[in-house]
Amino acid sequence: MNLLVDAGPLVTQADRRAPEHAAVTSVLRGERGELIVSAFVAAEADYIITRRFGVDAELRFLDDLAAATYSVVTLSVDELGRARDLVSTYRDLELGLADASIVVLSARLGITRILTDDNRHFRAVTPLQGGHFTILPADA
């Protein structure tokens, strides 16, 4: 089963001292399906990793992307419009493009499992295809 990955766990992977590092690593190593990352999420994670940990950590992250550890997926123009609509609908949450892109990809790919530490957004937002998101590692 495939898994959508948010920026928070990607940043946590770069920080071995983070309290959540072991839990995130466990989820990632246990997955047998594709680890899917929105291009917007990858850009957000790259920025945060570089700012917090420097270029060497950024290069390790980019090595993972280049080695296809994660499948980086972009949105179509129509999907960007759907992401924009989500940001508007969830205006009070200040959802942002990266998280909205995960919701849109969830609908495209039929995946409701997300590796994230962002309970605030993904517990409040309803998947476009209905139901609710399974948030890992919290729901494991």
N, C-alpha and C. Protein backbone atom coordinates (compact mmCIF):
# COMPACT_ATOMS: atom_id res chain seq x y z
N MET A 1 0.85 -1.18 0.00
CA MET A 1 0.00 0.00 0.00
C MET A 1 0.90 1.25 0.00
N ASN A 2 0.56 2.21 -0.83
CA ASN A 2 1.36 3.42 -0.95
C ASN A 2 1.08 4.40 0.18
N LEU A 3 2.04 5.32 0.38
CA LEU A 3 1.97 6.26 1.50
C LEU A 3 2.37 7.65 1.01
N LEU A 4 1.54 8.65 1.34
CA LEU A 4 1.90 10.04 1.08
C LEU A 4 2.75 10.54 2.25
N VAL A 5 3.79 11.28 1.94
CA VAL A 5 4.72 11.75 2.97
C VAL A 5 4.72 13.28 2.99
N ASP A 6 4.52 13.84 4.17
CA ASP A 6 4.51 15.27 4.39
C ASP A 6 5.92 15.77 4.72
N ALA A 7 6.09 17.07 4.75
CA ALA A 7 7.41 17.68 4.98
C ALA A 7 7.95 17.40 6.38
N GLY A 8 7.10 17.43 7.39
CA GLY A 8 7.57 17.24 8.77
C GLY A 8 8.40 15.98 8.95
N PRO A 9 7.91 14.82 8.52
CA PRO A 9 8.72 13.60 8.65
C PRO A 9 10.00 13.62 7.81
N LEU A 10 9.99 14.31 6.68
CA LEU A 10 11.21 14.41 5.89
C LEU A 10 12.26 15.21 6.66
N VAL A 11 11.82 16.25 7.34
CA VAL A 11 12.73 17.05 8.17
C VAL A 11 13.20 16.21 9.36
N THR A 12 12.29 15.47 9.96
CA THR A 12 12.63 14.61 11.10
C THR A 12 13.69 13.59 10.70
N GLN A 13 13.60 13.07 9.48
CA GLN A 13 14.61 12.11 9.00
C GLN A 13 16.01 12.73 8.99
N ALA A 14 16.08 14.03 8.79
CA ALA A 14 17.38 14.71 8.74
C ALA A 14 17.93 14.99 10.13
N ASP A 15 17.13 14.81 11.17
CA ASP A 15 17.51 15.15 12.53
C ASP A 15 17.45 13.91 13.43
N ARG A 16 18.54 13.21 13.54
CA ARG A 16 18.58 11.98 14.34
C ARG A 16 18.26 12.21 15.81
N ARG A 17 18.38 13.46 16.28
CA ARG A 17 18.08 13.78 17.69
C ARG A 17 16.62 14.11 17.93
N ALA A 18 15.83 14.21 16.87
CA ALA A 18 14.41 14.54 17.03
C ALA A 18 13.70 13.42 17.77
N PRO A 19 12.83 13.76 18.71
CA PRO A 19 12.12 12.74 19.48
C PRO A 19 11.32 11.78 18.60
N GLU A 20 10.84 12.25 17.46
CA GLU A 20 10.01 11.43 16.58
C GLU A 20 10.82 10.65 15.55
N HIS A 21 12.15 10.81 15.55
CA HIS A 21 12.99 10.20 14.52
C HIS A 21 12.79 8.69 14.44
N ALA A 22 12.79 8.00 15.56
CA ALA A 22 12.66 6.53 15.54
C ALA A 22 11.30 6.10 15.00
N ALA A 23 10.24 6.80 15.39
CA ALA A 23 8.89 6.44 14.92
C ALA A 23 8.76 6.66 13.41
N VAL A 24 9.28 7.78 12.93
CA VAL A 24 9.22 8.08 11.50
C VAL A 24 10.05 7.06 10.72
N THR A 25 11.24 6.77 11.20
CA THR A 25 12.10 5.80 10.53
C THR A 25 11.44 4.43 10.48
N SER A 26 10.79 4.05 11.55
CA SER A 26 10.10 2.76 11.60
C SER A 26 8.99 2.68 10.55
N VAL A 27 8.20 3.74 10.42
CA VAL A 27 7.14 3.75 9.41
C VAL A 27 7.75 3.66 8.02
N LEU A 28 8.76 4.47 7.74
CA LEU A 28 9.36 4.49 6.40
C LEU A 28 9.98 3.14 6.05
N ARG A 29 10.69 2.54 6.97
CA ARG A 29 11.33 1.25 6.70
C ARG A 29 10.32 0.11 6.57
N GLY A 30 9.17 0.26 7.24
CA GLY A 30 8.15 -0.78 7.19
C GLY A 30 7.25 -0.73 5.96
N GLU A 31 7.31 0.34 5.23
CA GLU A 31 6.45 0.48 4.05
C GLU A 31 6.95 -0.38 2.90
N ARG A 32 6.02 -1.04 2.24
CA ARG A 32 6.36 -1.88 1.08
C ARG A 32 5.94 -1.22 -0.22
N GLY A 33 5.04 -0.23 -0.12
CA GLY A 33 4.59 0.48 -1.31
C GLY A 33 5.45 1.69 -1.58
N GLU A 34 5.00 2.48 -2.53
CA GLU A 34 5.71 3.72 -2.88
C GLU A 34 5.55 4.76 -1.78
N LEU A 35 6.61 5.51 -1.57
CA LEU A 35 6.60 6.67 -0.68
C LEU A 35 6.46 7.88 -1.59
N ILE A 36 5.30 8.51 -1.56
CA ILE A 36 4.97 9.56 -2.52
C ILE A 36 5.04 10.93 -1.85
N VAL A 37 5.75 11.84 -2.51
CA VAL A 37 5.96 13.19 -2.00
C VAL A 37 5.54 14.18 -3.08
N SER A 38 4.67 15.10 -2.72
CA SER A 38 4.33 16.19 -3.61
C SER A 38 5.58 17.03 -3.86
N ALA A 39 5.71 17.54 -5.07
CA ALA A 39 6.84 18.42 -5.37
C ALA A 39 6.86 19.64 -4.46
N PHE A 40 5.68 20.11 -4.06
CA PHE A 40 5.61 21.26 -3.14
C PHE A 40 6.10 20.87 -1.74
N VAL A 41 5.78 19.67 -1.33
CA VAL A 41 6.26 19.17 -0.04
C VAL A 41 7.78 19.01 -0.08
N ALA A 42 8.30 18.47 -1.18
CA ALA A 42 9.75 18.30 -1.31
C ALA A 42 10.46 19.65 -1.22
N ALA A 43 9.91 20.66 -1.88
CA ALA A 43 10.52 22.00 -1.82
C ALA A 43 10.47 22.58 -0.41
N GLU A 44 9.33 22.39 0.27
CA GLU A 44 9.21 22.88 1.65
C GLU A 44 10.21 22.17 2.56
N ALA A 45 10.32 20.86 2.43
CA ALA A 45 11.26 20.10 3.27
C ALA A 45 12.70 20.51 2.97
N ASP A 46 13.02 20.69 1.70
CA ASP A 46 14.38 21.11 1.32
C ASP A 46 14.74 22.43 1.98
N TYR A 47 13.83 23.38 1.93
CA TYR A 47 14.07 24.69 2.53
C TYR A 47 14.32 24.56 4.03
N ILE A 48 13.46 23.82 4.72
CA ILE A 48 13.58 23.69 6.18
C ILE A 48 14.86 22.94 6.55
N ILE A 49 15.14 21.85 5.84
CA ILE A 49 16.35 21.07 6.12
C ILE A 49 17.60 21.93 5.95
N THR A 50 17.65 22.69 4.88
CA THR A 50 18.81 23.55 4.63
C THR A 50 18.97 24.59 5.72
N ARG A 51 17.87 25.23 6.11
CA ARG A 51 17.91 26.27 7.13
C ARG A 51 18.32 25.73 8.49
N ARG A 52 17.80 24.55 8.85
CA ARG A 52 18.06 24.01 10.19
C ARG A 52 19.37 23.24 10.29
N PHE A 53 19.74 22.53 9.23
CA PHE A 53 20.84 21.57 9.34
C PHE A 53 21.98 21.80 8.35
N GLY A 54 21.80 22.70 7.39
CA GLY A 54 22.88 23.03 6.47
C GLY A 54 22.84 22.26 5.16
N VAL A 55 23.78 22.61 4.31
CA VAL A 55 23.81 22.08 2.95
C VAL A 55 24.14 20.58 2.93
N ASP A 56 24.98 20.09 3.83
CA ASP A 56 25.29 18.66 3.83
C ASP A 56 24.03 17.82 4.05
N ALA A 57 23.18 18.25 4.99
CA ALA A 57 21.91 17.55 5.23
C ALA A 57 20.99 17.68 4.01
N GLU A 58 20.99 18.86 3.41
CA GLU A 58 20.18 19.06 2.20
C GLU A 58 20.63 18.11 1.11
N LEU A 59 21.94 17.98 0.93
CA LEU A 59 22.45 17.09 -0.12
C LEU A 59 22.06 15.63 0.14
N ARG A 60 22.04 15.20 1.40
CA ARG A 60 21.59 13.84 1.71
C ARG A 60 20.11 13.67 1.34
N PHE A 61 19.31 14.68 1.63
CA PHE A 61 17.91 14.65 1.25
C PHE A 61 17.76 14.59 -0.28
N LEU A 62 18.50 15.41 -0.98
CA LEU A 62 18.45 15.41 -2.45
C LEU A 62 18.94 14.09 -3.02
N ASP A 63 19.93 13.47 -2.35
CA ASP A 63 20.38 12.13 -2.79
C ASP A 63 19.23 11.13 -2.70
N ASP A 64 18.43 11.21 -1.62
CA ASP A 64 17.27 10.32 -1.49
C ASP A 64 16.27 10.56 -2.62
N LEU A 65 16.03 11.81 -2.95
CA LEU A 65 15.11 12.11 -4.05
C LEU A 65 15.65 11.59 -5.37
N ALA A 66 16.93 11.83 -5.63
CA ALA A 66 17.54 11.40 -6.89
C ALA A 66 17.62 9.88 -7.00
N ALA A 67 17.70 9.19 -5.86
CA ALA A 67 17.75 7.72 -5.86
C ALA A 67 16.35 7.11 -5.91
N ALA A 68 15.34 7.94 -6.00
CA ALA A 68 13.93 7.50 -6.06
C ALA A 68 13.50 6.78 -4.78
N THR A 69 14.10 7.16 -3.65
CA THR A 69 13.61 6.68 -2.36
C THR A 69 12.17 7.13 -2.20
N TYR A 70 11.89 8.32 -2.68
CA TYR A 70 10.55 8.89 -2.69
C TYR A 70 10.17 9.17 -4.14
N SER A 71 8.92 8.94 -4.48
CA SER A 71 8.42 9.32 -5.80
C SER A 71 7.88 10.75 -5.69
N VAL A 72 8.51 11.67 -6.37
CA VAL A 72 8.10 13.06 -6.34
C VAL A 72 7.07 13.28 -7.46
N VAL A 73 5.90 13.79 -7.06
CA VAL A 73 4.77 13.93 -7.98
C VAL A 73 4.35 15.39 -8.06
N THR A 74 4.06 15.84 -9.26
CA THR A 74 3.60 17.22 -9.46
C THR A 74 2.09 17.24 -9.69
N LEU A 75 1.51 18.41 -9.52
CA LEU A 75 0.10 18.60 -9.79
C LEU A 75 -0.11 19.14 -11.19
N SER A 76 -1.21 18.75 -11.81
CA SER A 76 -1.60 19.33 -13.09
C SER A 76 -2.16 20.73 -12.84
N VAL A 77 -2.41 21.44 -13.90
CA VAL A 77 -3.00 22.78 -13.78
C VAL A 77 -4.37 22.68 -13.11
N ASP A 78 -5.19 21.71 -13.52
CA ASP A 78 -6.51 21.54 -12.89
C ASP A 78 -6.36 21.22 -11.41
N GLU A 79 -5.39 20.39 -11.07
CA GLU A 79 -5.18 20.04 -9.66
C GLU A 79 -4.69 21.24 -8.85
N LEU A 80 -3.92 22.11 -9.47
CA LEU A 80 -3.52 23.34 -8.78
C LEU A 80 -4.75 24.18 -8.45
N GLY A 81 -5.72 24.19 -9.34
CA GLY A 81 -6.98 24.88 -9.06
C GLY A 81 -7.72 24.25 -7.89
N ARG A 82 -7.70 22.92 -7.81
CA ARG A 82 -8.33 22.23 -6.69
C ARG A 82 -7.60 22.56 -5.39
N ALA A 83 -6.27 22.62 -5.45
CA ALA A 83 -5.48 22.97 -4.27
C ALA A 83 -5.82 24.39 -3.82
N ARG A 84 -5.96 25.28 -4.77
CA ARG A 84 -6.32 26.66 -4.45
C ARG A 84 -7.68 26.70 -3.76
N ASP A 85 -8.63 25.91 -4.28
CA ASP A 85 -9.96 25.86 -3.68
C ASP A 85 -9.91 25.32 -2.25
N LEU A 86 -9.05 24.34 -2.01
CA LEU A 86 -8.90 23.80 -0.65
C LEU A 86 -8.35 24.86 0.31
N VAL A 87 -7.34 25.60 -0.15
CA VAL A 87 -6.78 26.66 0.69
C VAL A 87 -7.86 27.67 1.03
N SER A 88 -8.74 27.97 0.06
CA SER A 88 -9.84 28.90 0.31
C SER A 88 -10.87 28.30 1.27
N THR A 89 -11.25 27.05 1.03
CA THR A 89 -12.24 26.38 1.88
C THR A 89 -11.79 26.29 3.33
N TYR A 90 -10.51 25.97 3.50
CA TYR A 90 -9.96 25.81 4.85
C TYR A 90 -9.14 27.04 5.25
N ARG A 91 -9.60 28.19 4.83
CA ARG A 91 -8.93 29.47 5.07
C ARG A 91 -8.51 29.65 6.53
N ASP A 92 -9.38 29.32 7.46
CA ASP A 92 -9.09 29.53 8.88
C ASP A 92 -7.95 28.63 9.38
N LEU A 93 -7.72 27.52 8.69
CA LEU A 93 -6.62 26.62 9.07
C LEU A 93 -5.27 27.08 8.52
N GLU A 94 -5.31 28.00 7.53
CA GLU A 94 -4.09 28.39 6.82
C GLU A 94 -3.38 27.13 6.32
N LEU A 95 -4.10 26.35 5.53
CA LEU A 95 -3.67 25.05 5.05
C LEU A 95 -2.35 25.10 4.29
N GLY A 96 -2.22 26.01 3.36
CA GLY A 96 -1.00 26.13 2.56
C GLY A 96 -0.98 25.18 1.38
N LEU A 97 -0.19 25.53 0.38
CA LEU A 97 -0.12 24.77 -0.87
C LEU A 97 0.45 23.37 -0.68
N ALA A 98 1.46 23.23 0.15
CA ALA A 98 2.06 21.90 0.32
C ALA A 98 1.03 20.91 0.87
N ASP A 99 0.33 21.28 1.92
CA ASP A 99 -0.68 20.38 2.49
C ASP A 99 -1.86 20.19 1.54
N ALA A 100 -2.29 21.25 0.88
CA ALA A 100 -3.38 21.13 -0.09
C ALA A 100 -2.98 20.18 -1.22
N SER A 101 -1.72 20.20 -1.62
CA SER A 101 -1.27 19.30 -2.69
C SER A 101 -1.35 17.85 -2.24
N ILE A 102 -1.12 17.59 -0.97
CA ILE A 102 -1.26 16.21 -0.46
C ILE A 102 -2.71 15.76 -0.55
N VAL A 103 -3.63 16.63 -0.21
CA VAL A 103 -5.06 16.30 -0.27
C VAL A 103 -5.46 16.01 -1.72
N VAL A 104 -5.00 16.81 -2.65
CA VAL A 104 -5.32 16.62 -4.06
C VAL A 104 -4.70 15.32 -4.57
N LEU A 105 -3.46 15.06 -4.23
CA LEU A 105 -2.82 13.80 -4.65
C LEU A 105 -3.51 12.60 -4.03
N SER A 106 -3.99 12.76 -2.81
CA SER A 106 -4.73 11.69 -2.16
C SER A 106 -5.92 11.26 -3.02
N ALA A 107 -6.63 12.25 -3.56
CA ALA A 107 -7.79 11.95 -4.40
C ALA A 107 -7.35 11.32 -5.72
N ARG A 108 -6.31 11.86 -6.34
CA ARG A 108 -5.85 11.32 -7.62
C ARG A 108 -5.39 9.87 -7.49
N LEU A 109 -4.66 9.60 -6.42
CA LEU A 109 -4.02 8.29 -6.27
C LEU A 109 -4.84 7.31 -5.44
N GLY A 110 -5.92 7.80 -4.83
CA GLY A 110 -6.75 6.93 -4.01
C GLY A 110 -6.06 6.47 -2.73
N ILE A 111 -5.27 7.37 -2.14
CA ILE A 111 -4.50 7.07 -0.94
C ILE A 111 -4.97 7.99 0.18
N THR A 112 -5.29 7.43 1.34
CA THR A 112 -5.66 8.28 2.48
C THR A 112 -4.69 8.11 3.63
N ARG A 113 -3.61 7.37 3.42
CA ARG A 113 -2.58 7.20 4.45
C ARG A 113 -1.51 8.27 4.26
N ILE A 114 -1.23 9.02 5.33
CA ILE A 114 -0.26 10.11 5.26
C ILE A 114 0.71 9.98 6.43
N LEU A 115 2.00 10.03 6.14
CA LEU A 115 3.02 10.14 7.18
C LEU A 115 3.20 11.63 7.43
N THR A 116 2.75 12.07 8.61
CA THR A 116 2.80 13.49 8.94
C THR A 116 2.77 13.69 10.44
N ASP A 117 3.27 14.81 10.87
CA ASP A 117 3.12 15.22 12.26
C ASP A 117 2.08 16.35 12.37
N ASP A 118 1.39 16.61 11.27
CA ASP A 118 0.45 17.72 11.18
C ASP A 118 -0.98 17.23 11.45
N ASN A 119 -1.24 16.88 12.69
CA ASN A 119 -2.59 16.45 13.06
C ASN A 119 -3.60 17.57 12.90
N ARG A 120 -3.20 18.78 13.16
CA ARG A 120 -4.13 19.92 13.10
C ARG A 120 -4.80 20.02 11.73
N HIS A 121 -4.02 19.94 10.67
CA HIS A 121 -4.60 20.06 9.34
C HIS A 121 -5.29 18.78 8.88
N PHE A 122 -4.60 17.66 9.01
CA PHE A 122 -5.11 16.43 8.40
C PHE A 122 -6.20 15.73 9.20
N ARG A 123 -6.45 16.15 10.43
CA ARG A 123 -7.63 15.68 11.17
C ARG A 123 -8.85 16.54 10.82
N ALA A 124 -8.61 17.79 10.41
CA ALA A 124 -9.71 18.71 10.10
C ALA A 124 -10.16 18.63 8.64
N VAL A 125 -9.25 18.33 7.74
CA VAL A 125 -9.55 18.32 6.32
C VAL A 125 -10.14 16.96 5.93
N THR A 126 -11.20 17.00 5.15
CA THR A 126 -11.82 15.78 4.65
C THR A 126 -11.21 15.43 3.30
N PRO A 127 -10.81 14.18 3.10
CA PRO A 127 -10.31 13.79 1.78
C PRO A 127 -11.37 14.07 0.70
N LEU A 128 -10.94 14.47 -0.47
CA LEU A 128 -11.86 14.80 -1.55
C LEU A 128 -12.69 13.58 -1.96
N GLN A 129 -12.15 12.39 -1.75
CA GLN A 129 -12.86 11.17 -2.11
C GLN A 129 -13.72 10.64 -0.96
N GLY A 130 -13.80 11.39 0.14
CA GLY A 130 -14.60 11.00 1.29
C GLY A 130 -13.79 10.25 2.33
N GLY A 131 -14.41 9.97 3.44
CA GLY A 131 -13.74 9.26 4.53
C GLY A 131 -12.90 10.18 5.37
N HIS A 132 -11.79 9.64 5.84
CA HIS A 132 -10.86 10.44 6.66
C HIS A 132 -9.45 9.96 6.37
N PHE A 133 -8.48 10.76 6.78
CA PHE A 133 -7.08 10.39 6.59
C PHE A 133 -6.62 9.51 7.74
N THR A 134 -5.78 8.54 7.41
CA THR A 134 -5.06 7.77 8.41
C THR A 134 -3.71 8.44 8.56
N ILE A 135 -3.41 8.91 9.75
CA ILE A 135 -2.20 9.68 10.00
C ILE A 135 -1.20 8.80 10.73
N LEU A 136 -0.06 8.60 10.08
CA LEU A 136 1.02 7.82 10.67
C LEU A 136 2.12 8.76 11.13
N PRO A 137 2.81 8.47 12.20
CA PRO A 137 2.71 7.25 13.00
C PRO A 137 1.59 7.26 14.04
N ALA A 138 0.85 8.36 14.19
CA ALA A 138 -0.13 8.48 15.27
C ALA A 138 -1.18 7.37 15.25
N ASP A 139 -1.67 6.99 14.07
CA ASP A 139 -2.73 6.00 13.97
C ASP A 139 -2.23 4.57 13.81
N ALA A 140 -0.93 4.39 13.96
CA ALA A 140 -0.35 3.03 13.76
C ALA A 140 -0.82 2.07 14.83
